[in-house]
Amino acid sequence: MKVLFTESGTKVSFLPRQVAESIPFSSDKVPEILKYFKLEVNSKEAQVIREEIGGCEEPNMEGEDKYCATSLESLIDFSVERLGQNVRVLSTGAGKKQEYTVSAEVRMIGDHKAAVCHKMRYPYAVHYCHVIADTEVYEVPLVGADGTKVKAVTVCHLNTSAWSPDHMAFQVLKIKPGPAVCHFLDSDTLVWVPNKDKKMTP
């Protein structure tokens, strides 16, 4: 299979929690946010900020618990509060677009529960974190055609019946809501799981 493990392209850092919490983060505070970052109201950057905050404010899907973490501390707190103290964090190693083959045992990580945190397009590091019911996480060892080795994190959503019929996954797979959907995660997505795993034969 040919895969490209992408990054968001946003090279920004976390702010200290105290600083992050002093900056507004809501749709009704967008004018203040734009003023803080010295952005024009009609600029592309301003539109991105509106879209990202809007996504954070959308209602949860059935079985979903979500939170937009504006600091490293709040990201960790969200994950630990939902998964417990004994957790580990995973991410996919970066690799260029090429043919990859599963090279060893596929390992199931955790036990049907994970907090997935996607890096957002924002002036500082913000992550869209969510815990979705009936989710499995796997670590898939891959080897590229040029010999490059990548440990790819894969998430399987076992029940997609509550997802929007317009979700991109259904368009790509040409299916309707309901069946399990599995996908690799980008290189800058973080996955928090309970600290236990199982080996599986590929």
N, C-alpha and C. Protein backbone atom coordinates (compact mmCIF):
# COMPACT_ATOMS: atom_id res chain seq x y z
N MET A 1 0.84 -1.19 0.00
CA MET A 1 0.00 0.00 0.00
C MET A 1 0.87 1.24 0.00
N LYS A 2 0.41 2.29 -0.68
CA LYS A 2 1.17 3.54 -0.74
C LYS A 2 0.59 4.51 0.29
N VAL A 3 1.46 5.01 1.17
CA VAL A 3 1.01 5.86 2.27
C VAL A 3 1.93 7.05 2.40
N LEU A 4 1.36 8.21 2.77
CA LEU A 4 2.14 9.39 3.14
C LEU A 4 1.71 9.80 4.53
N PHE A 5 2.65 9.74 5.49
CA PHE A 5 2.34 10.14 6.85
C PHE A 5 2.61 11.63 6.99
N THR A 6 1.55 12.42 6.93
CA THR A 6 1.69 13.87 6.88
C THR A 6 1.72 14.49 8.26
N GLU A 7 2.15 15.76 8.29
CA GLU A 7 2.05 16.58 9.48
C GLU A 7 1.14 17.76 9.15
N SER A 8 0.65 18.44 10.18
CA SER A 8 -0.26 19.57 9.94
C SER A 8 0.43 20.73 9.26
N GLY A 9 1.76 20.78 9.35
CA GLY A 9 2.50 21.89 8.78
C GLY A 9 2.58 23.08 9.71
N THR A 10 1.93 22.97 10.86
CA THR A 10 1.93 24.06 11.83
C THR A 10 3.07 23.87 12.82
N LYS A 11 4.13 24.63 12.67
CA LYS A 11 5.30 24.52 13.55
C LYS A 11 5.20 25.56 14.66
N VAL A 12 4.39 25.25 15.65
CA VAL A 12 4.20 26.17 16.77
C VAL A 12 4.39 25.41 18.08
N SER A 13 4.64 26.14 19.15
CA SER A 13 4.93 25.53 20.44
C SER A 13 3.78 25.75 21.42
N PHE A 14 3.78 24.94 22.48
CA PHE A 14 2.83 25.15 23.57
C PHE A 14 3.17 26.43 24.31
N LEU A 15 2.15 27.09 24.79
CA LEU A 15 2.32 28.20 25.71
C LEU A 15 2.20 27.67 27.13
N PRO A 16 2.86 28.30 28.10
CA PRO A 16 2.64 27.92 29.49
C PRO A 16 1.15 28.03 29.81
N ARG A 17 0.65 27.16 30.66
CA ARG A 17 -0.78 27.13 30.95
C ARG A 17 -1.31 28.50 31.39
N GLN A 18 -0.57 29.17 32.24
CA GLN A 18 -1.03 30.46 32.74
C GLN A 18 -1.21 31.47 31.61
N VAL A 19 -0.29 31.43 30.64
CA VAL A 19 -0.39 32.34 29.49
C VAL A 19 -1.55 31.93 28.59
N ALA A 20 -1.65 30.62 28.30
CA ALA A 20 -2.72 30.13 27.42
C ALA A 20 -4.10 30.45 27.98
N GLU A 21 -4.25 30.31 29.28
CA GLU A 21 -5.56 30.56 29.89
C GLU A 21 -5.90 32.04 29.94
N SER A 22 -4.91 32.90 29.74
CA SER A 22 -5.17 34.34 29.73
C SER A 22 -5.64 34.84 28.36
N ILE A 23 -5.51 33.98 27.34
CA ILE A 23 -5.91 34.34 25.98
C ILE A 23 -7.30 33.78 25.71
N PRO A 24 -8.27 34.58 25.27
CA PRO A 24 -9.62 34.06 25.00
C PRO A 24 -9.58 32.94 23.96
N PHE A 25 -10.55 32.01 24.07
CA PHE A 25 -10.65 30.92 23.09
C PHE A 25 -12.13 30.55 22.94
N SER A 26 -12.87 31.38 22.25
CA SER A 26 -14.28 31.12 21.98
C SER A 26 -14.72 32.00 20.81
N SER A 27 -15.79 31.58 20.15
CA SER A 27 -16.25 32.30 18.95
C SER A 27 -16.63 33.74 19.25
N ASP A 28 -17.23 33.97 20.42
CA ASP A 28 -17.65 35.33 20.73
C ASP A 28 -16.49 36.24 21.11
N LYS A 29 -15.29 35.65 21.25
CA LYS A 29 -14.12 36.44 21.60
C LYS A 29 -13.13 36.57 20.44
N VAL A 30 -13.57 36.16 19.23
CA VAL A 30 -12.67 36.21 18.08
C VAL A 30 -12.08 37.61 17.84
N PRO A 31 -12.86 38.69 17.94
CA PRO A 31 -12.26 40.02 17.75
C PRO A 31 -11.09 40.28 18.70
N GLU A 32 -11.23 39.84 19.96
CA GLU A 32 -10.14 40.02 20.93
C GLU A 32 -8.93 39.17 20.55
N ILE A 33 -9.21 37.94 20.08
CA ILE A 33 -8.12 37.04 19.69
C ILE A 33 -7.33 37.63 18.52
N LEU A 34 -8.04 38.15 17.53
CA LEU A 34 -7.38 38.74 16.36
C LEU A 34 -6.56 39.95 16.77
N LYS A 35 -7.08 40.72 17.67
CA LYS A 35 -6.35 41.89 18.16
C LYS A 35 -5.08 41.46 18.90
N TYR A 36 -5.20 40.40 19.70
CA TYR A 36 -4.06 39.90 20.47
C TYR A 36 -2.92 39.48 19.55
N PHE A 37 -3.27 38.78 18.44
CA PHE A 37 -2.25 38.28 17.51
C PHE A 37 -1.99 39.25 16.35
N LYS A 38 -2.60 40.43 16.42
CA LYS A 38 -2.40 41.47 15.40
C LYS A 38 -2.74 40.95 13.99
N LEU A 39 -3.92 40.34 13.87
CA LEU A 39 -4.38 39.79 12.59
C LEU A 39 -5.53 40.61 12.03
N GLU A 40 -5.54 40.78 10.72
CA GLU A 40 -6.63 41.50 10.05
C GLU A 40 -7.91 40.65 10.08
N VAL A 41 -9.05 41.31 10.22
CA VAL A 41 -10.33 40.62 10.35
C VAL A 41 -10.61 39.72 9.15
N ASN A 42 -10.26 40.16 7.95
CA ASN A 42 -10.57 39.40 6.73
C ASN A 42 -9.40 38.58 6.22
N SER A 43 -8.39 38.39 7.03
CA SER A 43 -7.21 37.63 6.59
C SER A 43 -7.49 36.13 6.61
N LYS A 44 -6.66 35.39 5.89
CA LYS A 44 -6.78 33.93 5.86
C LYS A 44 -6.56 33.35 7.25
N GLU A 45 -5.61 33.92 7.98
CA GLU A 45 -5.31 33.43 9.33
C GLU A 45 -6.51 33.62 10.25
N ALA A 46 -7.22 34.74 10.09
CA ALA A 46 -8.40 34.99 10.91
C ALA A 46 -9.50 33.97 10.62
N GLN A 47 -9.66 33.62 9.34
CA GLN A 47 -10.67 32.63 8.96
C GLN A 47 -10.33 31.27 9.54
N VAL A 48 -9.06 30.90 9.54
CA VAL A 48 -8.64 29.62 10.12
C VAL A 48 -8.96 29.58 11.61
N ILE A 49 -8.69 30.67 12.31
CA ILE A 49 -8.99 30.74 13.74
C ILE A 49 -10.48 30.53 13.98
N ARG A 50 -11.32 31.19 13.18
CA ARG A 50 -12.78 31.03 13.33
C ARG A 50 -13.19 29.57 13.11
N GLU A 51 -12.62 28.94 12.08
CA GLU A 51 -12.98 27.56 11.77
C GLU A 51 -12.56 26.61 12.88
N GLU A 52 -11.35 26.79 13.39
CA GLU A 52 -10.84 25.87 14.40
C GLU A 52 -11.62 26.00 15.71
N ILE A 53 -11.88 27.23 16.12
CA ILE A 53 -12.66 27.43 17.34
C ILE A 53 -14.08 26.90 17.15
N GLY A 54 -14.65 27.12 15.96
CA GLY A 54 -15.98 26.62 15.66
C GLY A 54 -16.05 25.11 15.79
N GLY A 55 -15.02 24.42 15.32
CA GLY A 55 -14.97 22.96 15.45
C GLY A 55 -14.96 22.51 16.89
N CYS A 56 -14.27 23.27 17.73
CA CYS A 56 -14.21 22.93 19.16
C CYS A 56 -15.57 23.11 19.83
N GLU A 57 -16.39 24.00 19.29
CA GLU A 57 -17.67 24.32 19.92
C GLU A 57 -18.84 23.50 19.37
N GLU A 58 -18.59 22.65 18.37
CA GLU A 58 -19.65 21.81 17.83
C GLU A 58 -20.08 20.79 18.88
N PRO A 59 -21.36 20.38 18.86
CA PRO A 59 -21.83 19.37 19.83
C PRO A 59 -21.07 18.06 19.68
N ASN A 60 -20.92 17.34 20.77
CA ASN A 60 -20.27 16.04 20.73
C ASN A 60 -21.12 15.05 19.94
N MET A 61 -20.45 14.13 19.23
CA MET A 61 -21.16 13.01 18.64
C MET A 61 -21.59 12.07 19.77
N GLU A 62 -22.53 11.20 19.48
CA GLU A 62 -22.93 10.20 20.47
C GLU A 62 -21.73 9.33 20.84
N GLY A 63 -21.46 9.19 22.12
CA GLY A 63 -20.35 8.38 22.58
C GLY A 63 -19.01 9.08 22.55
N GLU A 64 -19.01 10.40 22.26
CA GLU A 64 -17.76 11.15 22.18
C GLU A 64 -17.63 12.12 23.35
N ASP A 65 -16.43 12.25 23.86
CA ASP A 65 -16.09 13.24 24.88
C ASP A 65 -14.92 14.03 24.33
N LYS A 66 -15.11 15.31 24.05
CA LYS A 66 -14.04 16.06 23.39
C LYS A 66 -13.67 17.31 24.17
N TYR A 67 -12.45 17.82 23.86
CA TYR A 67 -11.92 18.99 24.56
C TYR A 67 -10.79 19.56 23.71
N CYS A 68 -10.74 20.87 23.58
CA CYS A 68 -9.63 21.51 22.87
C CYS A 68 -8.62 22.01 23.90
N ALA A 69 -7.47 21.37 23.92
CA ALA A 69 -6.44 21.66 24.92
C ALA A 69 -5.52 22.76 24.42
N THR A 70 -5.44 23.85 25.16
CA THR A 70 -4.64 25.00 24.75
C THR A 70 -3.27 25.05 25.41
N SER A 71 -2.96 24.03 26.22
CA SER A 71 -1.63 23.94 26.83
C SER A 71 -1.28 22.48 27.01
N LEU A 72 0.00 22.19 27.19
CA LEU A 72 0.43 20.81 27.42
C LEU A 72 -0.20 20.27 28.70
N GLU A 73 -0.27 21.10 29.72
CA GLU A 73 -0.83 20.66 31.00
C GLU A 73 -2.30 20.26 30.85
N SER A 74 -3.08 21.05 30.11
CA SER A 74 -4.50 20.73 29.95
C SER A 74 -4.69 19.50 29.07
N LEU A 75 -3.79 19.28 28.12
CA LEU A 75 -3.85 18.08 27.28
C LEU A 75 -3.62 16.84 28.14
N ILE A 76 -2.61 16.89 29.00
CA ILE A 76 -2.31 15.76 29.89
C ILE A 76 -3.46 15.53 30.87
N ASP A 77 -3.99 16.61 31.43
CA ASP A 77 -5.10 16.49 32.39
C ASP A 77 -6.30 15.80 31.76
N PHE A 78 -6.65 16.20 30.54
CA PHE A 78 -7.80 15.59 29.85
C PHE A 78 -7.60 14.09 29.71
N SER A 79 -6.42 13.69 29.28
CA SER A 79 -6.15 12.27 29.03
C SER A 79 -6.13 11.46 30.32
N VAL A 80 -5.47 11.98 31.34
CA VAL A 80 -5.35 11.25 32.60
C VAL A 80 -6.70 11.15 33.31
N GLU A 81 -7.50 12.21 33.26
CA GLU A 81 -8.81 12.19 33.91
C GLU A 81 -9.73 11.13 33.31
N ARG A 82 -9.55 10.83 32.03
CA ARG A 82 -10.43 9.88 31.36
C ARG A 82 -9.87 8.47 31.26
N LEU A 83 -8.55 8.35 31.33
CA LEU A 83 -7.92 7.03 31.16
C LEU A 83 -7.21 6.53 32.41
N GLY A 84 -7.01 7.40 33.40
CA GLY A 84 -6.27 7.00 34.59
C GLY A 84 -4.82 7.43 34.52
N GLN A 85 -4.13 7.26 35.65
CA GLN A 85 -2.74 7.72 35.76
C GLN A 85 -1.76 6.89 34.95
N ASN A 86 -2.04 5.59 34.80
CA ASN A 86 -1.09 4.69 34.12
C ASN A 86 -1.37 4.68 32.61
N VAL A 87 -0.83 5.69 31.92
CA VAL A 87 -1.07 5.82 30.48
C VAL A 87 0.25 5.97 29.73
N ARG A 88 0.18 5.78 28.44
CA ARG A 88 1.33 6.04 27.57
C ARG A 88 0.85 6.81 26.35
N VAL A 89 1.78 7.52 25.73
CA VAL A 89 1.41 8.32 24.56
C VAL A 89 2.13 7.77 23.33
N LEU A 90 1.42 7.72 22.21
CA LEU A 90 1.95 7.18 20.96
C LEU A 90 1.79 8.20 19.84
N SER A 91 2.66 8.10 18.85
CA SER A 91 2.50 8.88 17.62
C SER A 91 3.16 8.11 16.48
N THR A 92 2.74 8.41 15.27
CA THR A 92 3.30 7.75 14.09
C THR A 92 4.63 8.39 13.70
N GLY A 93 5.63 7.57 13.44
CA GLY A 93 6.90 8.09 12.95
C GLY A 93 6.74 8.64 11.54
N ALA A 94 7.41 9.74 11.24
CA ALA A 94 7.30 10.35 9.92
C ALA A 94 7.94 9.46 8.86
N GLY A 95 7.33 9.40 7.70
CA GLY A 95 7.89 8.64 6.58
C GLY A 95 7.41 9.22 5.27
N LYS A 96 8.25 9.16 4.24
CA LYS A 96 7.86 9.75 2.95
C LYS A 96 6.86 8.86 2.23
N LYS A 97 6.18 9.43 1.22
CA LYS A 97 5.18 8.68 0.47
C LYS A 97 5.85 7.62 -0.38
N GLN A 98 5.50 6.37 -0.14
CA GLN A 98 6.03 5.23 -0.89
C GLN A 98 5.22 3.99 -0.53
N GLU A 99 5.57 2.88 -1.15
CA GLU A 99 4.91 1.61 -0.82
C GLU A 99 5.43 1.10 0.52
N TYR A 100 4.51 0.67 1.39
CA TYR A 100 4.87 0.10 2.68
C TYR A 100 4.28 -1.29 2.82
N THR A 101 4.99 -2.15 3.57
CA THR A 101 4.54 -3.50 3.86
C THR A 101 4.56 -3.72 5.37
N VAL A 102 3.53 -4.39 5.90
CA VAL A 102 3.54 -4.74 7.32
C VAL A 102 4.67 -5.72 7.55
N SER A 103 5.58 -5.37 8.48
CA SER A 103 6.84 -6.12 8.60
C SER A 103 6.92 -7.02 9.82
N ALA A 104 6.01 -6.88 10.77
CA ALA A 104 6.11 -7.68 12.00
C ALA A 104 4.73 -7.75 12.64
N GLU A 105 4.71 -8.21 13.89
CA GLU A 105 3.45 -8.35 14.59
C GLU A 105 2.75 -7.01 14.79
N VAL A 106 1.46 -7.01 14.53
CA VAL A 106 0.64 -5.83 14.82
C VAL A 106 0.27 -5.90 16.30
N ARG A 107 0.41 -4.78 16.99
CA ARG A 107 0.18 -4.78 18.44
C ARG A 107 -1.03 -3.91 18.77
N MET A 108 -2.01 -4.54 19.46
CA MET A 108 -3.14 -3.76 19.94
C MET A 108 -2.72 -3.07 21.23
N ILE A 109 -2.95 -1.76 21.28
CA ILE A 109 -2.52 -0.97 22.42
C ILE A 109 -3.73 -0.59 23.27
N GLY A 110 -3.67 -0.85 24.57
CA GLY A 110 -4.77 -0.48 25.44
C GLY A 110 -5.93 -1.45 25.32
N ASP A 111 -7.13 -0.98 25.65
CA ASP A 111 -8.29 -1.87 25.70
C ASP A 111 -9.57 -1.10 25.37
N HIS A 112 -9.79 -0.86 24.09
CA HIS A 112 -11.02 -0.24 23.58
C HIS A 112 -11.25 1.19 24.09
N LYS A 113 -10.20 1.85 24.55
CA LYS A 113 -10.38 3.22 25.01
C LYS A 113 -9.10 3.99 24.74
N ALA A 114 -9.25 5.19 24.18
CA ALA A 114 -8.08 6.01 23.87
C ALA A 114 -8.50 7.47 23.78
N ALA A 115 -7.55 8.34 24.07
CA ALA A 115 -7.75 9.78 23.85
C ALA A 115 -6.86 10.18 22.68
N VAL A 116 -7.48 10.60 21.60
CA VAL A 116 -6.75 10.99 20.39
C VAL A 116 -6.72 12.51 20.31
N CYS A 117 -5.52 13.07 20.17
CA CYS A 117 -5.34 14.53 20.17
C CYS A 117 -4.72 14.99 18.86
N HIS A 118 -5.51 15.68 18.04
CA HIS A 118 -5.07 16.16 16.73
C HIS A 118 -4.55 17.59 16.85
N LYS A 119 -3.37 17.84 16.30
CA LYS A 119 -2.82 19.20 16.32
C LYS A 119 -3.64 20.09 15.40
N MET A 120 -4.01 21.26 15.88
CA MET A 120 -4.86 22.17 15.12
C MET A 120 -4.04 23.28 14.47
N ARG A 121 -4.65 23.94 13.50
CA ARG A 121 -4.02 25.09 12.85
C ARG A 121 -4.31 26.31 13.72
N TYR A 122 -3.32 26.76 14.45
CA TYR A 122 -3.54 27.86 15.38
C TYR A 122 -2.23 28.57 15.64
N PRO A 123 -2.26 29.84 16.09
CA PRO A 123 -1.01 30.59 16.31
C PRO A 123 -0.10 29.99 17.37
N TYR A 124 -0.65 29.19 18.27
CA TYR A 124 0.16 28.44 19.24
C TYR A 124 -0.41 27.02 19.31
N ALA A 125 0.28 26.12 19.98
CA ALA A 125 -0.11 24.71 19.97
C ALA A 125 -1.44 24.49 20.69
N VAL A 126 -2.43 24.05 19.93
CA VAL A 126 -3.74 23.67 20.46
C VAL A 126 -4.07 22.31 19.87
N HIS A 127 -4.60 21.41 20.70
CA HIS A 127 -4.95 20.07 20.23
C HIS A 127 -6.43 19.79 20.44
N TYR A 128 -7.05 19.24 19.40
CA TYR A 128 -8.44 18.78 19.47
C TYR A 128 -8.39 17.35 19.98
N CYS A 129 -8.75 17.15 21.24
CA CYS A 129 -8.68 15.83 21.87
C CYS A 129 -10.08 15.25 22.01
N HIS A 130 -10.21 13.97 21.74
CA HIS A 130 -11.50 13.33 21.99
C HIS A 130 -11.33 11.86 22.34
N VAL A 131 -12.23 11.42 23.19
CA VAL A 131 -12.35 10.01 23.54
C VAL A 131 -13.65 9.52 22.91
N ILE A 132 -13.55 8.49 22.08
CA ILE A 132 -14.72 7.96 21.38
C ILE A 132 -14.93 6.52 21.83
N ALA A 133 -16.17 6.19 22.18
CA ALA A 133 -16.48 4.83 22.62
C ALA A 133 -16.19 3.83 21.50
N ASP A 134 -15.91 2.59 21.90
CA ASP A 134 -15.68 1.49 20.95
C ASP A 134 -14.57 1.81 19.95
N THR A 135 -13.42 2.19 20.48
CA THR A 135 -12.27 2.51 19.64
C THR A 135 -11.08 1.63 20.02
N GLU A 136 -10.42 1.07 19.03
CA GLU A 136 -9.21 0.27 19.27
C GLU A 136 -8.01 0.96 18.63
N VAL A 137 -6.86 0.85 19.29
CA VAL A 137 -5.62 1.45 18.79
C VAL A 137 -4.61 0.34 18.52
N TYR A 138 -3.94 0.43 17.38
CA TYR A 138 -2.93 -0.56 17.01
C TYR A 138 -1.63 0.14 16.63
N GLU A 139 -0.52 -0.52 16.92
CA GLU A 139 0.78 -0.06 16.44
C GLU A 139 1.21 -1.03 15.35
N VAL A 140 1.37 -0.49 14.14
CA VAL A 140 1.63 -1.32 12.96
C VAL A 140 3.05 -1.07 12.45
N PRO A 141 3.96 -2.04 12.59
CA PRO A 141 5.32 -1.86 12.06
C PRO A 141 5.32 -1.99 10.53
N LEU A 142 5.82 -0.97 9.86
CA LEU A 142 5.87 -0.96 8.40
C LEU A 142 7.30 -0.81 7.92
N VAL A 143 7.58 -1.33 6.74
CA VAL A 143 8.87 -1.10 6.10
C VAL A 143 8.61 -0.60 4.68
N GLY A 144 9.26 0.50 4.32
CA GLY A 144 9.05 1.09 3.01
C GLY A 144 9.87 0.40 1.94
N ALA A 145 9.56 0.71 0.68
CA ALA A 145 10.28 0.12 -0.44
C ALA A 145 11.77 0.43 -0.39
N ASP A 146 12.13 1.57 0.22
CA ASP A 146 13.54 1.94 0.32
C ASP A 146 14.19 1.47 1.62
N GLY A 147 13.44 0.66 2.40
CA GLY A 147 13.98 0.13 3.65
C GLY A 147 13.65 0.95 4.88
N THR A 148 13.01 2.10 4.70
CA THR A 148 12.63 2.94 5.84
C THR A 148 11.63 2.20 6.73
N LYS A 149 11.89 2.22 8.04
CA LYS A 149 10.98 1.57 8.99
C LYS A 149 10.15 2.63 9.70
N VAL A 150 8.85 2.38 9.80
CA VAL A 150 7.92 3.30 10.44
C VAL A 150 7.00 2.51 11.36
N LYS A 151 6.80 3.01 12.57
CA LYS A 151 5.78 2.45 13.46
C LYS A 151 4.55 3.34 13.33
N ALA A 152 3.55 2.82 12.64
CA ALA A 152 2.35 3.61 12.36
C ALA A 152 1.27 3.32 13.39
N VAL A 153 0.69 4.38 13.93
CA VAL A 153 -0.42 4.23 14.86
C VAL A 153 -1.72 4.23 14.06
N THR A 154 -2.53 3.21 14.30
CA THR A 154 -3.79 3.03 13.58
C THR A 154 -4.94 3.00 14.57
N VAL A 155 -6.02 3.69 14.24
CA VAL A 155 -7.20 3.71 15.09
C VAL A 155 -8.36 3.07 14.34
N CYS A 156 -9.08 2.19 15.03
CA CYS A 156 -10.27 1.56 14.47
C CYS A 156 -11.49 1.96 15.28
N HIS A 157 -12.43 2.63 14.63
CA HIS A 157 -13.70 3.00 15.25
C HIS A 157 -14.69 1.88 14.93
N LEU A 158 -15.08 1.12 15.95
CA LEU A 158 -15.85 -0.10 15.73
C LEU A 158 -17.31 0.17 15.39
N ASN A 159 -17.83 1.32 15.81
CA ASN A 159 -19.24 1.64 15.54
C ASN A 159 -19.34 3.08 15.04
N THR A 160 -19.66 3.25 13.78
CA THR A 160 -19.73 4.59 13.18
C THR A 160 -21.17 5.02 12.90
N SER A 161 -22.13 4.36 13.53
CA SER A 161 -23.54 4.65 13.24
C SER A 161 -23.95 6.07 13.60
N ALA A 162 -23.24 6.69 14.56
CA ALA A 162 -23.59 8.06 14.97
C ALA A 162 -22.88 9.13 14.15
N TRP A 163 -21.99 8.72 13.23
CA TRP A 163 -21.24 9.69 12.43
C TRP A 163 -22.13 10.30 11.36
N SER A 164 -21.76 11.49 10.93
CA SER A 164 -22.47 12.15 9.83
C SER A 164 -22.31 11.34 8.55
N PRO A 165 -23.39 11.16 7.79
CA PRO A 165 -23.29 10.44 6.51
C PRO A 165 -22.32 11.12 5.54
N ASP A 166 -22.03 12.41 5.78
CA ASP A 166 -21.13 13.16 4.90
C ASP A 166 -19.67 13.03 5.30
N HIS A 167 -19.38 12.25 6.34
CA HIS A 167 -17.99 12.10 6.79
C HIS A 167 -17.12 11.60 5.64
N MET A 168 -15.91 12.15 5.57
CA MET A 168 -15.01 11.80 4.46
C MET A 168 -14.72 10.31 4.39
N ALA A 169 -14.66 9.64 5.54
CA ALA A 169 -14.36 8.20 5.55
C ALA A 169 -15.37 7.42 4.73
N PHE A 170 -16.65 7.79 4.84
CA PHE A 170 -17.68 7.08 4.09
C PHE A 170 -17.58 7.36 2.59
N GLN A 171 -17.16 8.58 2.25
CA GLN A 171 -16.99 8.92 0.84
C GLN A 171 -15.84 8.14 0.22
N VAL A 172 -14.74 8.04 0.97
CA VAL A 172 -13.56 7.32 0.46
C VAL A 172 -13.84 5.82 0.35
N LEU A 173 -14.47 5.26 1.38
CA LEU A 173 -14.70 3.81 1.42
C LEU A 173 -15.98 3.39 0.71
N LYS A 174 -16.81 4.40 0.35
CA LYS A 174 -18.09 4.14 -0.33
C LYS A 174 -18.98 3.22 0.52
N ILE A 175 -19.13 3.60 1.78
CA ILE A 175 -19.99 2.86 2.69
C ILE A 175 -20.91 3.84 3.41
N LYS A 176 -21.89 3.30 4.13
CA LYS A 176 -22.80 4.11 4.94
C LYS A 176 -22.41 4.00 6.41
N PRO A 177 -22.91 4.90 7.27
CA PRO A 177 -22.58 4.83 8.69
C PRO A 177 -22.94 3.47 9.29
N GLY A 178 -22.11 3.02 10.22
CA GLY A 178 -22.36 1.75 10.90
C GLY A 178 -21.13 0.87 11.01
N PRO A 179 -20.54 0.42 9.87
CA PRO A 179 -19.40 -0.49 9.94
C PRO A 179 -18.16 0.15 10.55
N ALA A 180 -17.24 -0.70 10.99
CA ALA A 180 -15.97 -0.23 11.55
C ALA A 180 -15.16 0.50 10.48
N VAL A 181 -14.45 1.54 10.92
CA VAL A 181 -13.56 2.31 10.04
C VAL A 181 -12.20 2.40 10.72
N CYS A 182 -11.15 2.01 10.00
CA CYS A 182 -9.78 2.08 10.53
C CYS A 182 -8.95 3.04 9.67
N HIS A 183 -8.03 3.75 10.32
CA HIS A 183 -7.18 4.67 9.56
C HIS A 183 -5.88 4.93 10.30
N PHE A 184 -4.83 5.19 9.53
CA PHE A 184 -3.56 5.62 10.11
C PHE A 184 -3.71 7.05 10.63
N LEU A 185 -2.86 7.42 11.58
CA LEU A 185 -2.86 8.78 12.12
C LEU A 185 -1.67 9.56 11.61
N ASP A 186 -1.85 10.87 11.46
CA ASP A 186 -0.77 11.74 11.03
C ASP A 186 0.37 11.74 12.05
N SER A 187 1.52 12.20 11.61
CA SER A 187 2.71 12.17 12.46
C SER A 187 2.62 13.09 13.67
N ASP A 188 1.81 14.13 13.60
CA ASP A 188 1.73 15.04 14.74
C ASP A 188 0.44 14.88 15.55
N THR A 189 -0.23 13.73 15.39
CA THR A 189 -1.37 13.38 16.23
C THR A 189 -0.88 12.53 17.40
N LEU A 190 -1.33 12.86 18.59
CA LEU A 190 -0.94 12.12 19.80
C LEU A 190 -2.08 11.22 20.24
N VAL A 191 -1.75 10.00 20.65
CA VAL A 191 -2.75 9.05 21.13
C VAL A 191 -2.36 8.60 22.53
N TRP A 192 -3.26 8.81 23.47
CA TRP A 192 -3.05 8.40 24.86
C TRP A 192 -3.86 7.13 25.10
N VAL A 193 -3.22 6.11 25.67
CA VAL A 193 -3.90 4.83 25.91
C VAL A 193 -3.51 4.30 27.29
N PRO A 194 -4.38 3.45 27.89
CA PRO A 194 -3.98 2.75 29.11
C PRO A 194 -2.74 1.92 28.83
N ASN A 195 -1.88 1.77 29.79
CA ASN A 195 -0.57 1.15 29.58
C ASN A 195 -0.63 -0.36 29.64
N LYS A 196 -1.22 -0.96 28.60
CA LYS A 196 -1.24 -2.41 28.42
C LYS A 196 -1.47 -2.67 26.95
N ASP A 197 -0.96 -3.81 26.46
CA ASP A 197 -1.10 -4.09 25.03
C ASP A 197 -1.17 -5.59 24.77
N LYS A 198 -1.51 -5.93 23.51
CA LYS A 198 -1.63 -7.32 23.08
C LYS A 198 -1.00 -7.46 21.70
N LYS A 199 -0.31 -8.59 21.48
CA LYS A 199 0.27 -8.85 20.16
C LYS A 199 -0.75 -9.56 19.28
N MET A 200 -0.68 -9.24 17.98
CA MET A 200 -1.57 -9.88 17.02
C MET A 200 -0.75 -10.31 15.80
N THR A 201 -1.15 -11.39 15.17
CA THR A 201 -0.47 -11.85 13.98
C THR A 201 -0.98 -11.09 12.77
N PRO A 202 -0.10 -10.50 11.94
CA PRO A 202 -0.56 -9.73 10.77
C PRO A 202 -1.22 -10.63 9.74
